[in-house]
PDB file of N, CA and C in Angstrom:
ATOM      1  N   UNK A   1       0.317  -0.969  -0.041  1.00  0.00           N
ATOM      2  CA  UNK A   1       0.187  -0.207   0.262  1.00  0.00           C
ATOM      3  C   UNK A   1       1.002   0.970   0.397  1.00  0.00           C
ATOM      4  N   UNK A   2       0.459   1.892  -0.572  1.00  0.00           N
ATOM      5  CA  UNK A   2       0.936   3.493  -1.079  1.00  0.00           C
ATOM      6  C   UNK A   2       0.420   4.281   0.585  1.00  0.00           C
ATOM      7  N   UNK A   3       1.642   4.988   0.510  1.00  0.00           N
ATOM      8  CA  UNK A   3       0.753   5.999   1.845  1.00  0.00           C
ATOM      9  C   UNK A   3       1.510   7.093   0.844  1.00  0.00           C
ATOM     10  N   UNK A   4       0.442   8.308   0.636  1.00  0.00           N
ATOM     11  CA  UNK A   4       0.473   9.711   0.019  1.00  0.00           C
ATOM     12  C   UNK A   4       0.458  10.546   1.229  1.00  0.00           C
ATOM     13  N   UNK A   5       1.155  11.106   1.576  1.00  0.00           N
ATOM     14  CA  UNK A   5       0.745  12.435   2.651  1.00  0.00           C
ATOM     15  C   UNK A   5       0.455  13.480   1.840  1.00  0.00           C
ATOM     16  N   UNK A   6      -1.039  15.031   2.577  1.00  0.00           N
ATOM     17  CA  UNK A   6      -1.369  15.473   2.392  1.00  0.00           C
ATOM     18  C   UNK A   6      -0.702  16.473   3.340  1.00  0.00           C
ATOM     19  N   UNK A   7      -0.443  17.888   3.094  1.00  0.00           N
ATOM     20  CA  UNK A   7      -0.545  19.301   3.917  1.00  0.00           C
ATOM     21  C   UNK A   7      -1.525  20.082   3.519  1.00  0.00           C
ATOM     22  N   UNK A   8      -1.827  20.750   4.492  1.00  0.00           N
ATOM     23  CA  UNK A   8      -3.047  21.321   4.565  1.00  0.00           C
ATOM     24  C   UNK A   8      -1.918  22.783   5.162  1.00  0.00           C
ATOM     25  N   UNK A   9      -2.641  23.965   4.527  1.00  0.00           N
ATOM     26  CA  UNK A   9      -2.045  24.940   4.805  1.00  0.00           C
ATOM     27  C   UNK A   9      -3.331  25.933   4.982  1.00  0.00           C
ATOM     28  N   UNK A  10      -2.861  26.347   6.456  1.00  0.00           N
ATOM     29  CA  UNK A  10      -3.781  27.084   7.404  1.00  0.00           C
ATOM     30  C   UNK A  10      -4.740  28.376   7.684  1.00  0.00           C
ATOM     31  N   UNK A  11      -3.360  29.327   6.671  1.00  0.00           N
ATOM     32  CA  UNK A  11      -3.464  30.619   6.605  1.00  0.00           C
ATOM     33  C   UNK A  11      -5.030  30.143   5.915  1.00  0.00           C
ATOM     34  N   UNK A  12      -5.233  32.198   6.069  1.00  0.00           N
ATOM     35  CA  UNK A  12      -7.096  32.416   5.498  1.00  0.00           C
ATOM     36  C   UNK A  12      -6.017  32.654   3.867  1.00  0.00           C
ATOM     37  N   UNK A  13      -6.055  32.146   3.372  1.00  0.00           N
ATOM     38  CA  UNK A  13      -6.551  32.229   1.968  1.00  0.00           C
ATOM     39  C   UNK A  13      -7.279  32.108   0.959  1.00  0.00           C
ATOM     40  N   UNK A  14      -7.865  32.429   0.307  1.00  0.00           N
ATOM     41  CA  UNK A  14      -8.901  32.226  -0.949  1.00  0.00           C
ATOM     42  C   UNK A  14      -8.651  31.327  -1.481  1.00  0.00           C
ATOM     43  N   UNK A  15      -7.330  31.662  -2.584  1.00  0.00           N
ATOM     44  CA  UNK A  15      -7.136  30.534  -2.731  1.00  0.00           C
ATOM     45  C   UNK A  15      -5.738  29.739  -2.517  1.00  0.00           C
ATOM     46  N   UNK A  16      -5.698  28.436  -2.860  1.00  0.00           N
ATOM     47  CA  UNK A  16      -4.653  27.907  -2.082  1.00  0.00           C
ATOM     48  C   UNK A  16      -3.375  28.037  -3.048  1.00  0.00           C
ATOM     49  N   UNK A  17      -2.149  28.582  -1.678  1.00  0.00           N
ATOM     50  CA  UNK A  17      -1.082  28.455  -2.598  1.00  0.00           C
ATOM     51  C   UNK A  17      -0.345  27.289  -2.341  1.00  0.00           C
ATOM     52  N   UNK A  18       0.599  27.013  -4.187  1.00  0.00           N
ATOM     53  CA  UNK A  18       1.536  25.658  -3.922  1.00  0.00           C
ATOM     54  C   UNK A  18       2.619  26.414  -3.168  1.00  0.00           C
ATOM     55  N   UNK A  19       3.128  25.567  -2.322  1.00  0.00           N
ATOM     56  CA  UNK A  19       4.666  25.490  -1.358  1.00  0.00           C
ATOM     57  C   UNK A  19       5.425  24.266  -1.281  1.00  0.00           C
ATOM     58  N   UNK A  20       6.607  24.725  -2.042  1.00  0.00           N
ATOM     59  CA  UNK A  20       7.139  23.597  -1.497  1.00  0.00           C
ATOM     60  C   UNK A  20       7.184  23.682   0.191  1.00  0.00           C
ATOM     61  N   UNK A  21       7.714  22.409   0.496  1.00  0.00           N
ATOM     62  CA  UNK A  21       7.725  22.342   1.790  1.00  0.00           C
ATOM     63  C   UNK A  21       9.134  22.542   2.044  1.00  0.00           C
ATOM     64  N   UNK A  22       9.809  23.062   3.452  1.00  0.00           N
ATOM     65  CA  UNK A  22      10.502  22.969   4.120  1.00  0.00           C
ATOM     66  C   UNK A  22      11.298  22.018   4.063  1.00  0.00           C
ATOM     67  N   UNK A  23      12.579  21.372   4.254  1.00  0.00           N
ATOM     68  CA  UNK A  23      13.313  19.989   5.066  1.00  0.00           C
ATOM     69  C   UNK A  23      13.467  20.761   6.786  1.00  0.00           C
ATOM     70  N   UNK A  24      12.524  20.018   7.276  1.00  0.00           N
ATOM     71  CA  UNK A  24      12.832  20.215   8.307  1.00  0.00           C
ATOM     72  C   UNK A  24      13.958  20.018   8.922  1.00  0.00           C
ATOM     73  N   UNK A  25      14.661  20.993  10.325  1.00  0.00           N
ATOM     74  CA  UNK A  25      15.947  20.895  10.287  1.00  0.00           C
ATOM     75  C   UNK A  25      16.866  19.861  11.157  1.00  0.00           C
ATOM     76  N   UNK A  26      17.964  19.671  10.631  1.00  0.00           N
ATOM     77  CA  UNK A  26      18.710  18.078  11.400  1.00  0.00           C
ATOM     78  C   UNK A  26      18.380  18.386  12.532  1.00  0.00           C
ATOM     79  N   UNK A  27      18.625  19.500  13.681  1.00  0.00           N
ATOM     80  CA  UNK A  27      18.712  19.894  14.834  1.00  0.00           C
ATOM     81  C   UNK A  27      17.956  20.918  15.306  1.00  0.00           C
ATOM     82  N   UNK A  28      17.921  21.372  16.866  1.00  0.00           N
ATOM     83  CA  UNK A  28      17.212  22.418  16.975  1.00  0.00           C
ATOM     84  C   UNK A  28      18.220  23.239  17.721  1.00  0.00           C
ATOM     85  N   UNK A  29      19.862  22.717  17.305  1.00  0.00           N
ATOM     86  CA  UNK A  29      21.076  23.466  18.317  1.00  0.00           C
ATOM     87  C   UNK A  29      20.984  24.487  17.911  1.00  0.00           C
ATOM     88  N   UNK A  30      21.117  26.208  18.580  1.00  0.00           N
ATOM     89  CA  UNK A  30      21.260  27.108  18.131  1.00  0.00           C
ATOM     90  C   UNK A  30      19.701  27.496  17.131  1.00  0.00           C
ATOM     91  N   UNK A  31      18.738  27.156  17.403  1.00  0.00           N
ATOM     92  CA  UNK A  31      17.507  27.768  17.258  1.00  0.00           C
ATOM     93  C   UNK A  31      16.812  28.217  17.496  1.00  0.00           C
ATOM     94  N   UNK A  32      15.529  29.037  17.546  1.00  0.00           N
ATOM     95  CA  UNK A  32      14.642  29.262  18.455  1.00  0.00           C
ATOM     96  C   UNK A  32      13.539  28.933  17.700  1.00  0.00           C
ATOM     97  N   UNK A  33      12.386  28.808  18.957  1.00  0.00           N
ATOM     98  CA  UNK A  33      11.107  28.303  18.484  1.00  0.00           C
ATOM     99  C   UNK A  33      10.670  29.565  18.989  1.00  0.00           C
ATOM    100  N   UNK A  34       9.542  29.384  17.519  1.00  0.00           N
ATOM    101  CA  UNK A  34       8.491  31.232  18.075  1.00  0.00           C
ATOM    102  C   UNK A  34       7.241  29.247  18.768  1.00  0.00           C
ATOM    103  N   UNK A  35       6.649  30.060  19.688  1.00  0.00           N
ATOM    104  CA  UNK A  35       5.266  29.785  20.437  1.00  0.00           C
ATOM    105  C   UNK A  35       4.372  30.581  19.776  1.00  0.00           C
ATOM    106  N   UNK A  36       2.988  29.904  19.353  1.00  0.00           N
ATOM    107  CA  UNK A  36       2.129  31.260  18.656  1.00  0.00           C
ATOM    108  C   UNK A  36       0.601  30.860  19.823  1.00  0.00           C
ATOM    109  N   UNK A  37       0.315  31.649  20.212  1.00  0.00           N
ATOM    110  CA  UNK A  37      -1.025  31.167  20.969  1.00  0.00           C
ATOM    111  C   UNK A  37      -1.833  31.878  20.698  1.00  0.00           C
ATOM    112  N   UNK A  38      -2.902  31.146  19.308  1.00  0.00           N
ATOM    113  CA  UNK A  38      -3.963  32.101  18.518  1.00  0.00           C
ATOM    114  C   UNK A  38      -5.453  32.191  19.707  1.00  0.00           C
ATOM    115  N   UNK A  39      -5.087  32.080  21.058  1.00  0.00           N
ATOM    116  CA  UNK A  39      -6.242  32.756  21.101  1.00  0.00           C
ATOM    117  C   UNK A  39      -7.457  32.326  21.569  1.00  0.00           C
ATOM    118  N   UNK A  40      -7.332  30.751  21.723  1.00  0.00           N
ATOM    119  CA  UNK A  40      -8.258  29.697  22.184  1.00  0.00           C
ATOM    120  C   UNK A  40      -7.835  29.758  23.377  1.00  0.00           C
ATOM    121  N   UNK A  41      -9.138  28.736  23.933  1.00  0.00           N
ATOM    122  CA  UNK A  41      -9.085  28.350  25.032  1.00  0.00           C
ATOM    123  C   UNK A  41      -7.901  27.560  25.716  1.00  0.00           C
ATOM    124  N   UNK A  42      -6.977  27.421  26.808  1.00  0.00           N
ATOM    125  CA  UNK A  42      -6.540  26.687  27.789  1.00  0.00           C
ATOM    126  C   UNK A  42      -5.412  26.527  26.657  1.00  0.00           C
ATOM    127  N   UNK A  43      -5.083  27.909  25.264  1.00  0.00           N
ATOM    128  CA  UNK A  43      -4.059  28.359  24.493  1.00  0.00           C
ATOM    129  C   UNK A  43      -2.184  28.024  25.683  1.00  0.00           C
ATOM    130  N   UNK A  44      -2.663  28.994  26.429  1.00  0.00           N
ATOM    131  CA  UNK A  44      -1.490  29.646  27.449  1.00  0.00           C
ATOM    132  C   UNK A  44      -1.223  28.657  27.807  1.00  0.00           C
ATOM    133  N   UNK A  45      -1.561  27.646  28.617  1.00  0.00           N
ATOM    134  CA  UNK A  45      -1.841  26.524  28.984  1.00  0.00           C
ATOM    135  C   UNK A  45      -0.862  25.379  28.156  1.00  0.00           C
ATOM    136  N   UNK A  46      -1.010  25.545  27.238  1.00  0.00           N
ATOM    137  CA  UNK A  46      -0.549  24.294  25.965  1.00  0.00           C
ATOM    138  C   UNK A  46       1.065  25.414  25.686  1.00  0.00           C
ATOM    139  N   UNK A  47       1.635  26.177  25.590  1.00  0.00           N
ATOM    140  CA  UNK A  47       2.235  26.450  25.404  1.00  0.00           C
ATOM    141  C   UNK A  47       3.505  26.685  26.334  1.00  0.00           C
ATOM    142  N   UNK A  48       2.855  26.996  27.493  1.00  0.00           N
ATOM    143  CA  UNK A  48       3.132  26.515  28.570  1.00  0.00           C
ATOM    144  C   UNK A  48       4.258  25.733  29.034  1.00  0.00           C
ATOM    145  N   UNK A  49       3.524  24.140  28.722  1.00  0.00           N
ATOM    146  CA  UNK A  49       4.136  23.098  28.811  1.00  0.00           C
ATOM    147  C   UNK A  49       5.118  22.724  27.294  1.00  0.00           C
ATOM    148  N   UNK A  50       4.766  23.315  26.333  1.00  0.00           N
ATOM    149  CA  UNK A  50       5.665  23.392  25.857  1.00  0.00           C
ATOM    150  C   UNK A  50       7.396  24.183  25.900  1.00  0.00           C
ATOM    151  N   UNK A  51       7.165  25.121  26.638  1.00  0.00           N
ATOM    152  CA  UNK A  51       7.962  25.617  26.615  1.00  0.00           C
ATOM    153  C   UNK A  51       9.234  25.094  27.178  1.00  0.00           C
ATOM    154  N   UNK A  52       8.181  24.446  29.177  1.00  0.00           N
ATOM    155  CA  UNK A  52       9.130  23.926  29.934  1.00  0.00           C
ATOM    156  C   UNK A  52       9.914  22.575  29.209  1.00  0.00           C
ATOM    157  N   UNK A  53       8.851  22.172  28.221  1.00  0.00           N
ATOM    158  CA  UNK A  53       9.724  20.599  27.317  1.00  0.00           C
ATOM    159  C   UNK A  53      11.143  21.684  27.116  1.00  0.00           C
ATOM    160  N   UNK A  54      10.465  22.339  26.108  1.00  0.00           N
ATOM    161  CA  UNK A  54      11.865  22.586  25.335  1.00  0.00           C
ATOM    162  C   UNK A  54      13.309  23.752  25.912  1.00  0.00           C
ATOM    163  N   UNK A  55      12.742  24.321  27.152  1.00  0.00           N
ATOM    164  CA  UNK A  55      13.433  24.612  27.711  1.00  0.00           C
ATOM    165  C   UNK A  55      14.530  23.840  28.730  1.00  0.00           C
ATOM    166  N   UNK A  56      13.160  22.667  29.023  1.00  0.00           N
ATOM    167  CA  UNK A  56      14.447  21.259  29.684  1.00  0.00           C
ATOM    168  C   UNK A  56      15.901  20.926  28.280  1.00  0.00           C
ATOM    169  N   UNK A  57      15.445  20.797  27.418  1.00  0.00           N
ATOM    170  CA  UNK A  57      15.962  20.480  26.654  1.00  0.00           C
ATOM    171  C   UNK A  57      16.866  21.578  25.689  1.00  0.00           C
ATOM    172  N   UNK A  58      17.242  22.629  26.176  1.00  0.00           N
ATOM    173  CA  UNK A  58      18.273  23.543  25.973  1.00  0.00           C
ATOM    174  C   UNK A  58      17.912  24.374  24.716  1.00  0.00           C
ATOM    175  N   UNK A  59      16.787  24.326  24.164  1.00  0.00           N
ATOM    176  CA  UNK A  59      16.080  25.272  23.115  1.00  0.00           C
ATOM    177  C   UNK A  59      15.594  26.380  23.654  1.00  0.00           C
ATOM    178  N   UNK A  60      15.411  27.319  22.464  1.00  0.00           N
ATOM    179  CA  UNK A  60      14.974  29.226  22.731  1.00  0.00           C
ATOM    180  C   UNK A  60      14.017  29.367  22.680  1.00  0.00           C
ATOM    181  N   UNK A  61      12.725  29.514  22.926  1.00  0.00           N
ATOM    182  CA  UNK A  61      11.582  30.228  22.948  1.00  0.00           C
ATOM    183  C   UNK A  61      11.285  31.088  22.807  1.00  0.00           C
ATOM    184  N   UNK A  62      10.410  32.286  21.716  1.00  0.00           N
ATOM    185  CA  UNK A  62       9.807  33.386  21.961  1.00  0.00           C
ATOM    186  C   UNK A  62       8.626  33.038  21.985  1.00  0.00           C
ATOM    187  N   UNK A  63       7.434  34.196  22.401  1.00  0.00           N
ATOM    188  CA  UNK A  63       6.310  33.471  22.732  1.00  0.00           C
ATOM    189  C   UNK A  63       5.478  35.130  21.799  1.00  0.00           C
ATOM    190  N   UNK A  64       4.333  34.574  21.217  1.00  0.00           N
ATOM    191  CA  UNK A  64       3.903  35.555  20.306  1.00  0.00           C
ATOM    192  C   UNK A  64       1.858  35.003  20.563  1.00  0.00           C
ATOM    193  N   UNK A  65       1.236  35.764  20.252  1.00  0.00           N
ATOM    194  CA  UNK A  65       0.342  35.702  20.446  1.00  0.00           C
ATOM    195  C   UNK A  65      -0.723  36.387  19.777  1.00  0.00           C
ATOM    196  N   UNK A  66      -1.776  36.395  19.084  1.00  0.00           N
ATOM    197  CA  UNK A  66      -2.980  36.541  18.152  1.00  0.00           C
ATOM    198  C   UNK A  66      -3.518  37.559  18.696  1.00  0.00           C
ATOM    199  N   UNK A  67      -4.300  38.625  18.877  1.00  0.00           N
ATOM    200  CA  UNK A  67      -4.745  39.204  19.287  1.00  0.00           C
ATOM    201  C   UNK A  67      -6.224  39.101  19.570  1.00  0.00           C
ATOM    202  N   UNK A  68      -6.939  38.072  18.610  1.00  0.00           N
ATOM    203  CA  UNK A  68      -7.824  37.317  19.193  1.00  0.00           C
ATOM    204  C   UNK A  68      -7.963  35.792  17.941  1.00  0.00           C
ATOM    205  N   UNK A  69      -8.836  35.108  18.717  1.00  0.00           N
ATOM    206  CA  UNK A  69      -8.859  33.937  17.792  1.00  0.00           C
ATOM    207  C   UNK A  69      -9.510  33.655  16.173  1.00  0.00           C
ATOM    208  N   UNK A  70     -10.388  34.612  15.372  1.00  0.00           N
ATOM    209  CA  UNK A  70     -11.467  35.273  14.549  1.00  0.00           C
ATOM    210  C   UNK A  70     -11.044  35.300  13.049  1.00  0.00           C
ATOM    211  N   UNK A  71      -9.619  35.766  14.167  1.00  0.00           N
ATOM    212  CA  UNK A  71      -8.966  36.633  12.685  1.00  0.00           C
ATOM    213  C   UNK A  71      -8.080  36.004  12.332  1.00  0.00           C
ATOM    214  N   UNK A  72      -7.247  36.335  11.002  1.00  0.00           N
ATOM    215  CA  UNK A  72      -5.659  35.652  11.371  1.00  0.00           C
ATOM    216  C   UNK A  72      -4.661  36.517  11.609  1.00  0.00           C
ATOM    217  N   UNK A  73      -3.773  36.217  12.127  1.00  0.00           N
ATOM    218  CA  UNK A  73      -2.581  36.811  13.101  1.00  0.00           C
ATOM    219  C   UNK A  73      -2.132  37.791  11.657  1.00  0.00           C
ATOM    220  N   UNK A  74      -2.103  38.926  12.786  1.00  0.00           N
ATOM    221  CA  UNK A  74      -1.627  40.720  11.958  1.00  0.00           C
ATOM    222  C   UNK A  74      -0.132  40.253  11.103  1.00  0.00           C
ATOM    223  N   UNK A  75       0.143  41.323   9.900  1.00  0.00           N
ATOM    224  CA  UNK A  75       0.944  40.626   9.257  1.00  0.00           C
ATOM    225  C   UNK A  75       2.451  41.306  10.020  1.00  0.00           C
ATOM    226  N   UNK A  76       3.084  41.708  10.819  1.00  0.00           N
ATOM    227  CA  UNK A  76       3.483  41.903  11.442  1.00  0.00           C
ATOM    228  C   UNK A  76       3.729  41.440  12.718  1.00  0.00           C
ATOM    229  N   UNK A  77       2.805  40.612  13.725  1.00  0.00           N
ATOM    230  CA  UNK A  77       2.898  39.420  13.687  1.00  0.00           C
ATOM    231  C   UNK A  77       4.627  38.938  12.996  1.00  0.00           C
ATOM    232  N   UNK A  78       3.301  38.192  12.107  1.00  0.00           N
ATOM    233  CA  UNK A  78       4.412  37.012  11.111  1.00  0.00           C
ATOM    234  C   UNK A  78       4.970  36.969  10.891  1.00  0.00           C
ATOM    235  N   UNK A  79       5.020  38.333  10.482  1.00  0.00           N
ATOM    236  CA  UNK A  79       7.213  39.272  10.106  1.00  0.00           C
ATOM    237  C   UNK A  79       7.966  38.914  11.431  1.00  0.00           C
ATOM    238  N   UNK A  80       7.520  39.576  12.239  1.00  0.00           N
ATOM    239  CA  UNK A  80       8.644  39.545  14.107  1.00  0.00           C
ATOM    240  C   UNK A  80       8.487  37.697  13.911  1.00  0.00           C
ATOM    241  N   UNK A  81       7.736  36.697  13.636  1.00  0.00           N
ATOM    242  CA  UNK A  81       8.250  35.713  14.000  1.00  0.00           C
ATOM    243  C   UNK A  81       9.169  35.384  13.064  1.00  0.00           C
ATOM    244  N   UNK A  82       8.984  35.367  11.559  1.00  0.00           N
ATOM    245  CA  UNK A  82       9.895  35.356  10.799  1.00  0.00           C
ATOM    246  C   UNK A  82      11.495  35.657  10.624  1.00  0.00           C
ATOM    247  N   UNK A  83      10.606  37.359  11.388  1.00  0.00           N
ATOM    248  CA  UNK A  83      12.838  37.540  11.709  1.00  0.00           C
ATOM    249  C   UNK A  83      13.237  36.979  13.068  1.00  0.00           C
ATOM    250  N   UNK A  84      12.959  36.660  13.687  1.00  0.00           N
ATOM    251  CA  UNK A  84      13.005  36.629  15.475  1.00  0.00           C
ATOM    252  C   UNK A  84      13.428  35.266  15.803  1.00  0.00           C
ATOM    253  N   UNK A  85      12.745  33.990  14.303  1.00  0.00           N
ATOM    254  CA  UNK A  85      12.459  32.478  14.231  1.00  0.00           C
ATOM    255  C   UNK A  85      12.766  31.654  13.432  1.00  0.00           C
ATOM    256  N   UNK A  86      12.827  30.122  14.048  1.00  0.00           N
ATOM    257  CA  UNK A  86      13.192  29.522  12.717  1.00  0.00           C
ATOM    258  C   UNK A  86      12.687  28.211  12.523  1.00  0.00           C
ATOM    259  N   UNK A  87      11.576  28.470  13.687  1.00  0.00           N
ATOM    260  CA  UNK A  87      10.609  27.450  13.749  1.00  0.00           C
ATOM    261  C   UNK A  87       9.968  28.084  14.699  1.00  0.00           C
ATOM    262  N   UNK A  88       8.153  27.617  13.791  1.00  0.00           N
ATOM    263  CA  UNK A  88       7.180  27.779  14.651  1.00  0.00           C
ATOM    264  C   UNK A  88       6.403  26.999  14.792  1.00  0.00           C
ATOM    265  N   UNK A  89       5.389  26.904  16.079  1.00  0.00           N
ATOM    266  CA  UNK A  89       4.698  25.543  16.887  1.00  0.00           C
ATOM    267  C   UNK A  89       3.588  26.697  17.258  1.00  0.00           C
ATOM    268  N   UNK A  90       2.278  26.289  16.838  1.00  0.00           N
ATOM    269  CA  UNK A  90       0.655  27.233  16.724  1.00  0.00           C
ATOM    270  C   UNK A  90       0.095  26.341  17.771  1.00  0.00           C
ATOM    271  N   UNK A  91      -0.557  27.146  19.404  1.00  0.00           N
ATOM    272  CA  UNK A  91      -1.158  25.858  19.931  1.00  0.00           C
ATOM    273  C   UNK A  91      -2.659  26.547  19.044  1.00  0.00           C
ATOM    274  N   UNK A  92      -2.794  24.796  18.770  1.00  0.00           N
ATOM    275  CA  UNK A  92      -4.130  25.043  18.348  1.00  0.00           C
ATOM    276  C   UNK A  92      -4.787  23.741  19.469  1.00  0.00           C
ATOM    277  N   UNK A  93      -5.167  24.320  20.348  1.00  0.00           N
ATOM    278  CA  UNK A  93      -5.909  23.692  21.803  1.00  0.00           C
ATOM    279  C   UNK A  93      -7.037  24.112  21.832  1.00  0.00           C
ATOM    280  N   UNK A  94      -8.017  23.776  22.954  1.00  0.00           N
ATOM    281  CA  UNK A  94      -8.780  23.534  23.140  1.00  0.00           C
ATOM    282  C   UNK A  94      -9.790  22.858  24.686  1.00  0.00           C
TER     283      UNK A  94
END
């Protein structure tokens, strides 16, 4: 049986854009991971736990938050993440 992986782009684009998938890094050493709270309930708790795990592994993190969960993240926030981190985790918890 052949397994086909489909990745979905969670951005609020009206027409999906095809992008080549970036290869994951071989190591997180020296990288900064962005932790983004999208404003859903218990998202802060989830990010607190993730941040603790990353900290215990010696991996730097930075936290970000959307102003509301009902809208896409502002361009300025996305640009800040791109400038300050090499990887991102988006907290989709309820």
